[in-house]
Protein backbone atom coordinates (compact mmCIF):
# COMPACT_ATOMS: atom_id res chain seq x y z
CA UNK A 1 0.00 0.00 0.00
CA UNK A 2 1.13 3.51 -0.75
CA UNK A 3 0.48 6.30 1.72
CA UNK A 4 -0.49 9.84 0.68
CA UNK A 5 -1.19 13.15 2.36
CA UNK A 6 -4.25 14.71 0.75
CA UNK A 7 -4.69 18.45 1.31
CA UNK A 8 -7.98 19.90 0.15
CA UNK A 9 -9.81 23.19 0.08
CA UNK A 10 -13.52 23.72 -0.48
CA UNK A 11 -14.77 26.11 -3.12
CA UNK A 12 -17.84 28.22 -2.29
CA UNK A 13 -20.03 25.45 -3.75
CA UNK A 14 -18.21 22.81 -1.69
CA UNK A 15 -18.55 24.86 1.49
CA UNK A 16 -22.33 25.02 0.94
CA UNK A 17 -22.36 21.23 0.67
CA UNK A 18 -20.29 20.91 3.83
CA UNK A 19 -22.72 23.17 5.70
CA UNK A 20 -25.57 20.94 4.53
CA UNK A 21 -23.94 17.53 5.19
CA UNK A 22 -21.69 18.32 8.16
CA UNK A 23 -18.12 17.28 8.85
CA UNK A 24 -18.80 13.66 9.77
CA UNK A 25 -20.98 13.22 6.69
CA UNK A 26 -18.18 14.33 4.39
CA UNK A 27 -15.64 12.18 6.23
CA UNK A 28 -17.88 9.12 5.76
CA UNK A 29 -18.09 9.78 2.00
CA UNK A 30 -14.31 10.08 1.71
CA UNK A 31 -13.83 6.94 3.79
CA UNK A 32 -16.20 4.96 1.56
CA UNK A 33 -14.54 6.26 -1.63
CA UNK A 34 -11.11 5.16 -0.40
CA UNK A 35 -12.48 1.81 0.81
CA UNK A 36 -13.90 1.09 -2.67
CA UNK A 37 -10.35 1.44 -4.01
CA UNK A 38 -9.27 -1.26 -1.52
CA UNK A 39 -7.67 1.49 0.53
CA UNK A 40 -7.97 2.88 4.03
CA UNK A 41 -8.53 6.36 5.43
CA UNK A 42 -5.92 6.62 8.19
CA UNK A 43 -6.62 10.18 9.34
CA UNK A 44 -9.05 12.98 8.47
CA UNK A 45 -8.84 16.45 10.02
CA UNK A 46 -10.48 19.77 9.31
CA UNK A 47 -8.15 22.76 9.63
CA UNK A 48 -8.01 26.53 9.54
CA UNK A 49 -5.52 28.20 7.23
CA UNK A 50 -4.30 27.29 3.75
CA UNK A 51 -6.37 24.11 3.52
CA UNK A 52 -9.72 23.01 4.88
CA UNK A 53 -8.98 19.29 5.18
CA UNK A 54 -5.89 17.14 5.70
CA UNK A 55 -6.24 13.40 5.22
CA UNK A 56 -3.83 10.50 5.17
CA UNK A 57 -4.88 7.61 2.95
CA UNK A 58 -3.43 4.22 2.15
CA UNK A 59 -4.27 3.13 -1.39
CA UNK A 60 -2.92 0.24 -3.46
CA UNK A 61 -0.92 2.31 -5.94
CA UNK A 62 -0.26 5.70 -7.51
CA UNK A 63 -2.95 5.11 -10.13
CA UNK A 64 -5.58 4.96 -7.38
CA UNK A 65 -4.27 8.19 -5.85
CA UNK A 66 -4.35 9.95 -9.22
CA UNK A 67 -7.89 8.69 -9.92
CA UNK A 68 -9.11 10.17 -6.62
CA UNK A 69 -7.38 13.46 -7.35
CA UNK A 70 -8.83 13.78 -10.84
CA UNK A 71 -12.40 12.84 -9.84
CA UNK A 72 -12.47 15.15 -6.82
CA UNK A 73 -10.88 18.09 -8.63
CA UNK A 74 -13.23 17.63 -11.59
CA UNK A 75 -16.22 18.05 -9.25
CA UNK A 76 -15.47 21.76 -8.89
CA UNK A 77 -16.50 21.61 -5.22
CA UNK A 78 -13.04 20.85 -3.87
CA UNK A 79 -9.47 21.40 -4.98
CA UNK A 80 -6.92 19.00 -3.63
CA UNK A 81 -3.28 18.18 -3.84
CA UNK A 82 -1.80 14.78 -3.15
CA UNK A 83 1.65 14.22 -1.70
CA UNK A 84 3.29 10.78 -1.52
CA UNK A 85 4.52 9.96 1.97
CA UNK A 86 7.73 7.98 2.37
CA UNK A 87 8.78 5.73 5.23
CA UNK A 88 12.17 6.06 6.95
CA UNK A 89 13.07 2.70 5.41
CA UNK A 90 12.37 4.02 1.91
CA UNK A 91 14.65 6.97 2.62
CA UNK A 92 17.34 4.54 3.84
CA UNK A 93 17.11 2.68 0.51
CA UNK A 94 17.38 5.96 -1.40
CA UNK A 95 20.44 6.98 0.63
CA UNK A 96 22.19 3.77 -0.37
CA UNK A 97 21.59 4.19 -4.12
CA UNK A 98 24.52 5.38 -6.17
CA UNK A 99 23.66 7.81 -8.95
CA UNK A 100 26.07 9.64 -11.22
CA UNK A 101 25.32 13.36 -11.16
CA UNK A 102 27.23 16.44 -12.23
CA UNK A 103 26.01 19.80 -10.86
CA UNK A 104 25.53 22.58 -13.42
CA UNK A 105 28.77 24.36 -14.35
CA UNK A 106 31.14 21.77 -12.94
């Protein structure tokens, strides 16, 4: 399973829907959507500031994450961005990889 941080903001239309359905109603819809992708909603928080919602989801692959992003953004009620989350072990593997690289101008 791949883990992603999903940051979303409601448009005016989306905020009207949130006022109608409530916070737990929207969370339940997101949870069901992720579950239908054979994924799991790990965390779901409303926030003040740059974004209205922060969620952490586990989904089978990047294709599932992209599908969610496209469908939700296409609704026009919410804009979201999806960030892959990496484990410390994945970073350890990356640190051990050898890659030839020459900085610009050297």
